Protein backbone atom coordinates (compact mmCIF):
# COMPACT_ATOMS: atom_id res chain seq x y z
CA UNK A 1 4.99 12.11 -2.63
CA UNK A 2 8.26 13.97 -3.01
CA UNK A 3 8.42 17.17 -5.03
CA UNK A 4 11.45 17.85 -7.19
CA UNK A 5 12.67 20.23 -4.48
CA UNK A 6 12.73 17.41 -1.94
CA UNK A 7 9.92 19.01 0.11
CA UNK A 8 7.30 16.57 1.35
CA UNK A 9 3.99 17.13 -0.45
CA UNK A 10 0.90 16.07 1.53
CA UNK A 11 -1.12 13.36 -0.19
CA UNK A 12 -4.39 14.72 -1.55
CA UNK A 13 -7.33 13.58 0.57
CA UNK A 14 -9.19 12.15 -2.42
CA UNK A 15 -6.10 10.28 -3.60
CA UNK A 16 -5.52 8.78 -0.17
CA UNK A 17 -9.18 7.84 0.24
CA UNK A 18 -9.20 6.11 -3.13
CA UNK A 19 -6.00 4.23 -2.28
CA UNK A 20 -7.38 3.19 1.13
CA UNK A 21 -10.67 2.06 -0.43
CA UNK A 22 -8.93 -0.19 -2.94
CA UNK A 23 -6.66 -1.56 -0.21
CA UNK A 24 -9.66 -2.34 2.01
CA UNK A 25 -11.28 -4.14 -0.93
CA UNK A 26 -8.33 -6.55 -0.99
CA UNK A 27 -6.13 -5.18 -3.79
CA UNK A 28 -2.70 -6.46 -2.70
CA UNK A 29 -0.82 -3.92 -4.84
CA UNK A 30 -2.71 -1.04 -3.23
CA UNK A 31 -2.25 -2.59 0.21
CA UNK A 32 1.49 -2.60 -0.49
CA UNK A 33 1.42 1.02 -1.68
CA UNK A 34 -0.47 2.09 1.43
CA UNK A 35 1.99 0.24 3.67
CA UNK A 36 4.90 1.95 1.91
CA UNK A 37 3.35 5.38 2.50
CA UNK A 38 2.90 4.69 6.20
CA UNK A 39 6.40 3.21 6.49
CA UNK A 40 8.12 6.19 4.90
CA UNK A 41 5.72 8.88 6.11
CA UNK A 42 5.33 9.79 2.45
CA UNK A 43 2.63 12.45 2.28
CA UNK A 44 0.98 11.16 5.47
CA UNK A 45 2.22 10.85 9.09
CA UNK A 46 4.59 7.91 9.54
CA UNK A 47 2.88 5.03 11.35
CA UNK A 48 4.76 1.74 11.67
CA UNK A 49 1.77 -0.14 13.10
CA UNK A 50 -0.42 0.85 10.15
CA UNK A 51 2.44 -0.07 7.82
CA UNK A 52 2.64 -3.49 9.48
CA UNK A 53 -1.11 -4.00 9.07
CA UNK A 54 -1.11 -3.33 5.32
CA UNK A 55 2.18 -5.11 4.64
CA UNK A 56 0.75 -8.20 6.35
CA UNK A 57 -2.42 -8.17 4.26
CA UNK A 58 -0.44 -7.78 1.04
CA UNK A 59 2.15 -10.37 2.05
CA UNK A 60 -0.64 -12.89 2.68
CA UNK A 61 -1.30 -12.73 -1.08
CA UNK A 62 2.38 -13.54 -1.72
CA UNK A 63 3.38 -9.98 -2.69
CA UNK A 64 7.19 -10.09 -2.76
CA UNK A 65 7.63 -6.37 -2.16
CA UNK A 66 5.39 -6.58 0.90
CA UNK A 67 7.43 -9.47 2.28
CA UNK A 68 10.58 -7.41 1.82
CA UNK A 69 9.09 -4.24 3.33
CA UNK A 70 7.61 -6.07 6.29
CA UNK A 71 10.89 -7.87 6.90
CA UNK A 72 12.74 -4.55 7.04
CA UNK A 73 10.07 -3.06 9.29
CA UNK A 74 10.43 -5.90 11.79
CA UNK A 75 14.22 -5.83 11.69
CA UNK A 76 14.75 -2.08 11.92
CA UNK A 77 11.79 -0.72 13.85
CA UNK A 78 9.54 -3.29 15.54
CA UNK A 79 12.19 -5.49 17.14
CA UNK A 80 11.04 -8.82 15.68
CA UNK A 81 14.30 -10.14 14.27
CA UNK A 82 13.15 -13.74 13.83
CA UNK A 83 10.11 -12.81 11.72
CA UNK A 84 12.05 -10.12 9.87
CA UNK A 85 14.77 -12.51 8.73
CA UNK A 86 12.17 -15.15 7.82
CA UNK A 87 10.28 -12.73 5.55
CA UNK A 88 13.45 -11.42 3.92
CA UNK A 89 14.47 -15.02 3.25
CA UNK A 90 11.09 -15.71 1.62
CA UNK A 91 11.47 -12.69 -0.67
CA UNK A 92 15.11 -13.56 -1.37
CA UNK A 93 14.20 -17.12 -2.31
CA UNK A 94 11.82 -15.67 -4.88
CA UNK A 95 14.63 -13.69 -6.50
CA UNK A 96 14.45 -10.32 -4.72
CA UNK A 97 18.08 -9.16 -4.72
CA UNK A 98 17.48 -6.31 -2.29
CA UNK A 99 15.95 -8.72 0.21
CA UNK A 100 19.04 -10.92 -0.19
CA UNK A 101 21.28 -7.94 0.51
CA UNK A 102 19.28 -6.76 3.54
CA UNK A 103 19.29 -10.24 5.02
CA UNK A 104 23.02 -10.71 4.38
CA UNK A 105 23.74 -7.38 6.06
CA UNK A 106 21.63 -8.30 9.09
CA UNK A 107 23.35 -11.68 9.46
CA UNK A 108 26.86 -10.28 9.05
CA UNK A 109 26.49 -7.24 11.31
CA UNK A 110 24.62 -8.90 14.16
CA UNK A 111 26.40 -9.83 17.37
CA UNK A 112 26.07 -12.95 19.48
CA UNK A 113 23.97 -15.91 18.31
CA UNK A 114 22.23 -13.81 15.69
CA UNK A 115 25.40 -13.54 13.62
CA UNK A 116 25.87 -16.15 10.87
CA UNK A 117 28.78 -15.33 8.53
CA UNK A 118 28.25 -18.45 6.40
CA UNK A 119 24.58 -17.66 5.74
CA UNK A 120 25.51 -13.98 5.19
CA UNK A 121 28.05 -15.10 2.57
CA UNK A 122 25.32 -17.08 0.76
CA UNK A 123 22.92 -14.14 0.69
CA UNK A 124 25.59 -11.65 -0.41
CA UNK A 125 26.46 -14.00 -3.29
CA UNK A 126 22.79 -14.11 -4.30
CA UNK A 127 22.44 -10.32 -4.02
CA UNK A 128 25.47 -9.91 -6.27
CA UNK A 129 24.10 -12.46 -8.75
CA UNK A 130 20.81 -10.53 -8.97
CA UNK A 131 22.69 -7.24 -9.34
CA UNK A 132 21.29 -5.60 -6.20
CA UNK A 133 23.00 -4.06 -3.20
CA UNK A 134 26.13 -1.89 -3.03
CA UNK A 135 29.63 -3.33 -2.51
CA UNK A 136 28.60 -6.99 -2.44
CA UNK A 137 32.07 -8.00 -3.59
CA UNK A 138 33.71 -6.13 -0.70
CA UNK A 139 31.38 -7.78 1.80
CA UNK A 140 32.11 -11.18 0.30
CA UNK A 141 35.88 -10.61 0.51
CA UNK A 142 35.52 -9.43 4.11
CA UNK A 143 33.65 -12.58 5.09
CA UNK A 144 36.14 -14.80 3.26
CA UNK A 145 38.83 -13.57 5.66
CA UNK A 146 37.06 -15.26 8.57
CA UNK A 147 35.67 -18.38 6.87
CA UNK A 148 37.47 -21.63 6.13
CA UNK A 149 37.87 -22.92 2.58
CA UNK A 150 35.28 -25.62 3.31
CA UNK A 151 32.78 -23.04 4.56
CA UNK A 152 33.32 -20.82 1.52
CA UNK A 153 32.89 -23.69 -0.95
CA UNK A 154 29.79 -24.91 0.87
CA UNK A 155 28.27 -21.42 0.88
CA UNK A 156 28.99 -20.96 -2.83
CA UNK A 157 27.27 -24.28 -3.57
CA UNK A 158 24.22 -23.20 -1.54
CA UNK A 159 24.08 -19.91 -3.45
CA UNK A 160 24.26 -21.67 -6.83
CA UNK A 161 21.47 -24.03 -5.84
CA UNK A 162 19.27 -21.19 -4.57
CA UNK A 163 19.83 -18.84 -7.53
CA UNK A 164 16.80 -18.32 -9.75
CA UNK A 165 17.78 -17.75 -13.40
CA UNK A 166 16.69 -14.32 -14.67
CA UNK A 167 14.54 -15.84 -17.42
CA UNK A 168 12.33 -17.54 -14.79
CA UNK A 169 12.29 -14.47 -12.59
CA UNK A 170 11.43 -12.11 -15.46
CA UNK A 171 8.52 -14.32 -16.58
CA UNK A 172 6.99 -14.13 -13.10
CA UNK A 173 7.55 -10.38 -12.92
CA UNK A 174 6.02 -9.94 -16.39
CA UNK A 175 2.88 -11.77 -15.28
CA UNK A 176 2.72 -9.64 -12.13
CA UNK A 177 3.17 -6.46 -14.17
CA UNK A 178 0.44 -7.50 -16.62
CA UNK A 179 -1.98 -8.15 -13.77
CA UNK A 180 -1.18 -4.75 -12.31
CA UNK A 181 -1.68 -3.13 -15.74
CA UNK A 182 -5.13 -4.72 -16.04
CA UNK A 183 -6.08 -3.46 -12.57
CA UNK A 184 -4.93 0.05 -13.44
CA UNK A 185 -6.80 -0.03 -16.77
CA UNK A 186 -9.99 -1.07 -14.98
CA UNK A 187 -9.61 1.74 -12.44
CA UNK A 188 -9.00 4.27 -15.22
CA UNK A 189 -12.09 3.06 -17.03
CA UNK A 190 -14.15 3.36 -13.84
CA UNK A 191 -12.94 6.93 -13.42
CA UNK A 192 -13.75 7.83 -17.04
CA UNK A 193 -17.12 6.09 -17.45
CA UNK A 194 -18.53 6.22 -13.95
CA UNK A 195 -19.76 3.42 -11.69
CA UNK A 196 -21.47 0.28 -12.97
CA UNK A 197 -25.22 0.10 -12.60
CA UNK A 198 -26.59 -2.81 -10.53
CA UNK A 199 -26.02 -6.04 -12.47
CA UNK A 200 -24.32 -4.21 -15.35
CA UNK A 201 -21.17 -5.62 -17.00
CA UNK A 202 -18.27 -3.46 -18.13
CA UNK A 203 -19.11 -4.16 -21.79
CA UNK A 204 -22.72 -3.03 -21.32
CA UNK A 205 -21.54 0.08 -19.52
CA UNK A 206 -19.33 0.99 -22.50
CA UNK A 207 -22.31 0.56 -24.82
CA UNK A 208 -24.51 2.65 -22.53
CA UNK A 209 -21.97 5.46 -22.37
CA UNK A 210 -20.51 5.37 -25.87
CA UNK A 211 -23.59 4.64 -28.01
CA UNK A 212 -25.34 7.97 -27.34
CA UNK A 213 -22.15 9.78 -28.29
CA UNK A 214 -21.87 7.85 -31.56
CA UNK A 215 -25.45 8.60 -32.72
CA UNK A 216 -25.75 12.19 -31.43
CA UNK A 217 -25.61 14.94 -34.09
CA UNK A 218 -22.56 17.19 -34.24
């Protein structure tokens, strides 16, 4: 965590242990959070291999943010360009504008066979359409100076075909946010009411905890 002063604040041991426990239990959101902490060294020592481990587990559940984070990790730090670009493309195809921008940048700045100005043009167009990434228009104009008219028109057509309308994207994000809200509500309830007894449902736990309070004298 970052304090308002910009000084790195160590993650509380209990907070980290709780996060790690939920991640180990298969919560893809918490796996993503844990990967992000290791990737940035946010409150814990930076560890790219641990970040890779938790990104992979979260990405296996289709977590778009984990696909994006893992793609960046491979591209920038672990030297796996092929897998990095593949994962960024997966996230970009699902409407992640920042993944589109990162992939476009990688394709336009690479040298040798890794450079693909036409594909970079497509991804910059998508990043601009999703409203993510700085100076997309400048990058697009720069690439237009080296592409033919046919290449530009073809790339624009590819971008239009790949673009996911915001109404579809927002519906998916709303469902993802609602699922996360339910998970957080369940964790908050666990913290407030204590663990479930063997074979006990959440409804029965509420009755067990709340009923004595309701009938007890003031």
